[in-house]
């Protein structure tokens, strides 16, 4: 008698899942591994502290020689059980995958050789850049690396606490405790590294979503609209405006483009209608059809 396959493995369910979450898998996997390289290569060898649950795991390594992966897995496992009902299954699932991958990567990556920098300041900055890039990729996928992110997001959902404020308080306590183990100088290097993590992570998140918001006023709107939609393959919105001084009614074209596309549009307008008006500004994030998809983050 043929055994019935679980419904999850039916092609009609599995293939849509792979298409939908393939990018997420790539981002979470690569981001987690990059983050772990930053920990193994430029945090542990220099006895720098870290923040969050990773900071406690690093601290246990300095004090008792325990591999960070063990504490990382144990504490995060308890946090996921505690927060399961407050967070979306997708967020918990991918975050748990990131934690499990971190445990494996921390154990495997420690056997690879890494360059040793004689200047701790450079090591702190480089480590922050690497970890920030990794965490940024994970966040970009709509997941997290676990730890204090799970705590503060759950507290926000249940009690409405401020995420940023409580994240700061928790990490401040962990860094303060670490200073008694690593020494004040190394704690300051660790603080610099964590600041670098935040800057780089923010840059990663913005760089993938940044677009140019473009407004165009011209007497040859039909030709400009066709150029944007057909040659640049971008959507447009036509706004009905009125000149504040002349009272003349005009059509205003609005669109979101890449930097390269705005340059092409400028060249086209310069040739077509030198009297056209074009305003360009930065849009740090554009969400919707044709851009970053809507998804529930947690």
Protein backbone atom coordinates (compact mmCIF):
# COMPACT_ATOMS: atom_id res chain seq x y z
CA UNK A 1 0.00 0.00 0.00
CA UNK A 2 1.44 3.37 -1.02
CA UNK A 3 2.10 5.71 1.88
CA UNK A 4 0.41 9.07 1.59
CA UNK A 5 2.86 11.98 1.36
CA UNK A 6 2.54 14.87 3.82
CA UNK A 7 0.56 17.73 2.31
CA UNK A 8 3.52 20.11 2.69
CA UNK A 9 5.49 18.17 0.10
CA UNK A 10 2.82 18.38 -2.56
CA UNK A 11 4.30 20.25 -5.55
CA UNK A 12 1.36 22.65 -5.70
CA UNK A 13 2.23 23.83 -2.17
CA UNK A 14 6.00 23.44 -2.11
CA UNK A 15 6.79 25.27 -5.34
CA UNK A 16 4.85 28.46 -4.46
CA UNK A 17 6.59 28.46 -1.07
CA UNK A 18 10.04 28.21 -2.70
CA UNK A 19 9.21 30.99 -5.14
CA UNK A 20 7.84 33.19 -2.38
CA UNK A 21 10.53 32.57 0.22
CA UNK A 22 13.60 31.83 -1.92
CA UNK A 23 14.93 35.37 -1.58
CA UNK A 24 14.28 35.28 2.16
CA UNK A 25 16.26 32.04 2.49
CA UNK A 26 19.19 33.57 0.61
CA UNK A 27 19.20 36.77 2.65
CA UNK A 28 18.81 35.09 6.05
CA UNK A 29 21.43 32.44 5.29
CA UNK A 30 24.06 34.81 3.90
CA UNK A 31 23.38 37.47 6.54
CA UNK A 32 23.64 35.02 9.43
CA UNK A 33 26.92 33.56 8.17
CA UNK A 34 28.41 37.03 7.62
CA UNK A 35 27.39 38.05 11.13
CA UNK A 36 29.01 34.93 12.60
CA UNK A 37 32.25 35.67 10.73
CA UNK A 38 32.31 39.07 12.41
CA UNK A 39 31.90 37.42 15.82
CA UNK A 40 34.45 34.65 15.32
CA UNK A 41 37.09 36.72 13.51
CA UNK A 42 36.82 40.19 15.05
CA UNK A 43 35.05 39.90 18.40
CA UNK A 44 36.14 36.79 20.30
CA UNK A 45 39.90 36.97 19.52
CA UNK A 46 40.06 40.55 20.86
CA UNK A 47 37.83 39.96 23.90
CA UNK A 48 35.38 42.64 22.77
CA UNK A 49 31.92 42.59 24.35
CA UNK A 50 28.76 42.30 22.28
CA UNK A 51 25.12 43.18 22.84
CA UNK A 52 21.95 41.17 23.26
CA UNK A 53 21.91 37.44 23.87
CA UNK A 54 25.04 37.21 21.71
CA UNK A 55 26.71 39.50 24.24
CA UNK A 56 25.82 37.13 27.09
CA UNK A 57 27.05 34.17 25.03
CA UNK A 58 30.35 35.94 24.33
CA UNK A 59 30.65 36.83 28.02
CA UNK A 60 30.17 33.19 29.05
CA UNK A 61 32.97 32.26 26.66
CA UNK A 62 35.33 34.74 28.30
CA UNK A 63 34.42 33.64 31.82
CA UNK A 64 34.07 29.87 31.55
CA UNK A 65 35.23 28.94 28.06
CA UNK A 66 31.72 27.87 27.01
CA UNK A 67 31.10 27.93 23.28
CA UNK A 68 28.79 30.90 22.48
CA UNK A 69 26.59 28.67 20.32
CA UNK A 70 25.29 26.69 23.31
CA UNK A 71 24.02 29.65 25.32
CA UNK A 72 22.77 31.28 22.13
CA UNK A 73 20.62 28.25 21.31
CA UNK A 74 19.35 27.60 24.84
CA UNK A 75 18.28 31.17 25.64
CA UNK A 76 16.74 31.81 22.23
CA UNK A 77 14.83 28.53 22.43
CA UNK A 78 13.19 29.68 25.65
CA UNK A 79 12.46 33.11 24.18
CA UNK A 80 10.74 31.63 21.13
CA UNK A 81 8.52 29.48 23.34
CA UNK A 82 7.63 32.52 25.44
CA UNK A 83 6.96 34.80 22.45
CA UNK A 84 5.29 32.33 20.09
CA UNK A 85 1.72 33.65 20.48
CA UNK A 86 2.73 37.32 20.21
CA UNK A 87 4.66 37.05 16.92
CA UNK A 88 3.78 35.87 13.44
CA UNK A 89 4.72 32.28 12.53
CA UNK A 90 6.75 33.50 9.56
CA UNK A 91 8.84 35.86 11.71
CA UNK A 92 9.40 33.21 14.38
CA UNK A 93 10.21 30.54 11.80
CA UNK A 94 12.87 32.48 9.94
CA UNK A 95 14.31 33.94 13.16
CA UNK A 96 14.59 30.43 14.61
CA UNK A 97 16.31 29.31 11.41
CA UNK A 98 18.80 32.17 11.81
CA UNK A 99 19.52 31.14 15.40
CA UNK A 100 20.04 27.45 14.51
CA UNK A 101 22.29 28.43 11.62
CA UNK A 102 24.24 30.74 13.95
CA UNK A 103 24.86 27.86 16.35
CA UNK A 104 26.25 25.71 13.55
CA UNK A 105 28.23 28.53 11.91
CA UNK A 106 29.91 29.60 15.16
CA UNK A 107 31.16 26.06 15.68
CA UNK A 108 32.36 25.56 12.10
CA UNK A 109 33.85 28.98 11.40
CA UNK A 110 36.18 28.90 14.39
CA UNK A 111 38.34 26.34 12.57
CA UNK A 112 39.13 28.74 9.73
CA UNK A 113 42.16 31.08 9.84
CA UNK A 114 41.55 34.82 10.05
CA UNK A 115 43.92 37.81 9.87
CA UNK A 116 44.91 39.30 13.21
CA UNK A 117 45.04 43.09 13.39
CA UNK A 118 47.57 44.63 15.76
CA UNK A 119 45.40 47.73 16.20
CA UNK A 120 42.25 46.95 18.26
CA UNK A 121 40.51 50.06 16.95
CA UNK A 122 40.63 48.74 13.39
CA UNK A 123 39.44 45.32 14.55
CA UNK A 124 36.46 46.90 16.36
CA UNK A 125 35.44 48.94 13.32
CA UNK A 126 35.92 46.08 10.85
CA UNK A 127 34.00 43.70 13.10
CA UNK A 128 31.17 46.21 13.36
CA UNK A 129 31.03 46.63 9.59
CA UNK A 130 30.87 42.87 9.00
CA UNK A 131 28.29 42.19 11.71
CA UNK A 132 26.21 45.19 10.69
CA UNK A 133 26.09 44.00 7.08
CA UNK A 134 25.04 40.51 8.19
CA UNK A 135 22.32 41.66 10.59
CA UNK A 136 21.08 44.15 8.00
CA UNK A 137 20.56 41.37 5.44
CA UNK A 138 18.60 39.31 7.97
CA UNK A 139 16.40 42.28 8.90
CA UNK A 140 15.92 43.05 5.22
CA UNK A 141 14.32 39.62 4.82
CA UNK A 142 11.77 40.38 7.53
CA UNK A 143 13.43 38.16 10.14
CA UNK A 144 15.75 38.70 13.09
CA UNK A 145 18.77 37.08 14.69
CA UNK A 146 16.79 36.34 17.84
CA UNK A 147 17.78 37.49 21.31
CA UNK A 148 16.68 40.88 22.62
CA UNK A 149 14.81 41.57 19.38
CA UNK A 150 12.35 38.85 20.39
CA UNK A 151 12.05 40.27 23.91
CA UNK A 152 11.33 43.88 23.01
CA UNK A 153 9.03 43.10 20.05
CA UNK A 154 6.97 40.77 22.25
CA UNK A 155 6.79 43.33 25.06
CA UNK A 156 5.70 45.91 22.51
CA UNK A 157 2.92 43.66 21.22
CA UNK A 158 1.67 42.72 24.67
CA UNK A 159 2.19 45.89 26.70
CA UNK A 160 2.96 48.63 24.15
CA UNK A 161 6.47 49.36 25.47
CA UNK A 162 8.85 51.45 23.39
CA UNK A 163 11.08 49.11 21.36
CA UNK A 164 14.04 51.45 20.99
CA UNK A 165 14.11 52.51 24.64
CA UNK A 166 13.96 48.98 26.05
CA UNK A 167 16.54 47.72 23.56
CA UNK A 168 18.87 50.45 24.78
CA UNK A 169 18.29 49.61 28.45
CA UNK A 170 18.88 45.87 27.96
CA UNK A 171 22.03 46.34 25.90
CA UNK A 172 23.37 48.99 28.29
CA UNK A 173 23.11 46.50 31.17
CA UNK A 174 24.88 43.78 29.16
CA UNK A 175 27.69 46.13 28.11
CA UNK A 176 28.10 47.33 31.71
CA UNK A 177 28.39 43.75 32.97
CA UNK A 178 30.86 42.97 30.19
CA UNK A 179 33.14 45.84 31.20
CA UNK A 180 33.91 44.05 34.50
CA UNK A 181 35.15 41.04 32.54
CA UNK A 182 36.79 42.54 29.46
CA UNK A 183 38.07 45.73 31.08
CA UNK A 184 36.99 49.30 30.43
CA UNK A 185 39.20 49.77 27.35
CA UNK A 186 37.88 46.68 25.58
CA UNK A 187 34.34 47.62 26.59
CA UNK A 188 34.79 50.98 24.86
CA UNK A 189 36.10 49.22 21.75
CA UNK A 190 33.03 47.01 21.92
CA UNK A 191 30.79 50.05 22.21
CA UNK A 192 32.42 51.54 19.11
CA UNK A 193 31.91 48.26 17.27
CA UNK A 194 28.23 48.21 18.23
CA UNK A 195 27.79 51.78 17.01
CA UNK A 196 29.34 50.73 13.70
CA UNK A 197 26.92 47.78 13.55
CA UNK A 198 23.98 50.17 13.84
CA UNK A 199 25.29 52.55 11.18
CA UNK A 200 26.08 49.80 8.66
CA UNK A 201 22.84 47.92 9.36
CA UNK A 202 20.84 51.09 8.73
CA UNK A 203 22.76 51.70 5.49
CA UNK A 204 22.07 48.15 4.29
CA UNK A 205 18.36 48.46 4.98
CA UNK A 206 18.09 51.82 3.22
CA UNK A 207 20.30 51.01 0.24
CA UNK A 208 18.05 48.17 -0.93
CA UNK A 209 14.86 50.25 -0.76
CA UNK A 210 16.09 53.72 -1.71
CA UNK A 211 14.45 55.30 -4.73
CA UNK A 212 14.16 58.76 -6.22
CA UNK A 213 10.81 60.49 -6.04
CA UNK A 214 10.32 62.51 -9.22
CA UNK A 215 7.86 65.31 -10.03
CA UNK A 216 7.62 66.65 -13.57
CA UNK A 217 5.63 69.59 -14.95
CA UNK A 218 5.74 70.02 -18.71
CA UNK A 219 3.60 71.18 -21.59
CA UNK A 220 4.27 67.88 -23.38
CA UNK A 221 2.98 65.55 -20.69
CA UNK A 222 1.71 62.77 -22.98
CA UNK A 223 5.16 62.25 -24.51
CA UNK A 224 6.85 62.29 -21.10
CA UNK A 225 4.31 59.84 -19.69
CA UNK A 226 4.89 57.43 -22.59
CA UNK A 227 8.67 57.71 -22.18
CA UNK A 228 8.49 56.86 -18.47
CA UNK A 229 6.03 53.97 -18.85
CA UNK A 230 7.40 52.46 -22.07
CA UNK A 231 11.13 53.29 -22.16
CA UNK A 232 11.82 53.28 -18.42
CA UNK A 233 9.12 50.70 -17.57
CA UNK A 234 8.01 52.69 -14.53
CA UNK A 235 4.53 53.47 -13.30
CA UNK A 236 3.36 57.06 -13.03
CA UNK A 237 0.69 58.98 -11.17
CA UNK A 238 -0.82 62.11 -12.71
CA UNK A 239 -1.72 64.78 -10.17
CA UNK A 240 -3.96 67.74 -10.96
CA UNK A 241 -2.33 70.94 -9.80
CA UNK A 242 -2.84 74.68 -10.06
CA UNK A 243 -0.23 77.40 -10.29
CA UNK A 244 -0.25 79.51 -7.14
CA UNK A 245 0.59 82.71 -9.02
CA UNK A 246 -0.97 82.20 -12.47
CA UNK A 247 -3.93 80.09 -11.41
CA UNK A 248 -3.26 77.93 -14.46
CA UNK A 249 -4.25 74.29 -14.15
CA UNK A 250 -1.41 71.86 -14.88
CA UNK A 251 -0.83 68.12 -14.76
CA UNK A 252 2.01 66.97 -12.46
CA UNK A 253 3.66 63.60 -13.13
CA UNK A 254 4.91 61.69 -10.10
CA UNK A 255 7.01 58.53 -10.21
CA UNK A 256 9.59 56.56 -8.21
CA UNK A 257 12.79 55.65 -10.05
CA UNK A 258 16.36 54.54 -9.62
CA UNK A 259 19.18 57.07 -9.91
CA UNK A 260 20.04 55.84 -13.41
CA UNK A 261 16.44 56.25 -14.57
CA UNK A 262 16.27 59.83 -13.29
CA UNK A 263 19.36 60.68 -15.34
CA UNK A 264 17.73 59.21 -18.47
CA UNK A 265 14.58 61.23 -17.81
CA UNK A 266 16.61 64.43 -17.38
CA UNK A 267 18.28 63.89 -20.74
CA UNK A 268 14.94 63.24 -22.40
CA UNK A 269 13.36 66.37 -20.91
CA UNK A 270 16.35 68.55 -21.84
CA UNK A 271 15.84 67.58 -25.47
CA UNK A 272 12.04 67.47 -25.54
CA UNK A 273 11.09 70.49 -23.43
CA UNK A 274 13.87 72.70 -22.00
CA UNK A 275 11.20 74.74 -20.18
CA UNK A 276 10.00 71.67 -18.21
CA UNK A 277 10.20 71.59 -14.42
CA UNK A 278 11.61 68.48 -12.68
CA UNK A 279 12.07 67.94 -8.93
CA UNK A 280 13.96 64.95 -7.53
CA UNK A 281 14.15 63.87 -3.88
CA UNK A 282 15.26 60.78 -1.97
CA UNK A 283 12.65 58.24 -0.88
CA UNK A 284 14.32 56.06 1.74
CA UNK A 285 11.72 53.30 1.38
CA UNK A 286 9.04 52.51 -1.19
CA UNK A 287 6.61 49.70 -0.37
CA UNK A 288 3.99 48.35 -2.75
CA UNK A 289 3.48 46.69 -6.10
CA UNK A 290 6.63 46.86 -8.22
CA UNK A 291 8.82 47.74 -5.23
CA UNK A 292 9.35 46.22 -1.81
CA UNK A 293 6.45 43.83 -1.08
CA UNK A 294 4.14 44.27 1.89
CA UNK A 295 4.78 41.67 4.55
CA UNK A 296 4.09 41.30 8.22
CA UNK A 297 7.45 41.69 9.99
CA UNK A 298 6.61 40.15 13.33
